[in-house]
Amino acid sequence: MTFRILKATSGQWFFRIVSSNGNVLAHSETYINKSDARTSAQTIINQAGGGKIVE
């Protein structure tokens, strides 16, 4: 499972949770700062017990 950090057309940042077969499982709200999106993704990874962030 990967967490892809992406820039929205609005200029804000969000992440997608993507399964190993490429299906999008979920996406986050948008964040003004890329670091905030990354921190939120990392929090989920820490609580769920696995995953990696791709930028």
Foldseek 3Di string as FASTA:
>chain_A
DEWEWDADPVRWIKIFDADPVGDTPDIDDTHRDSVVRVVVVVVVCVVVVHYYYDD
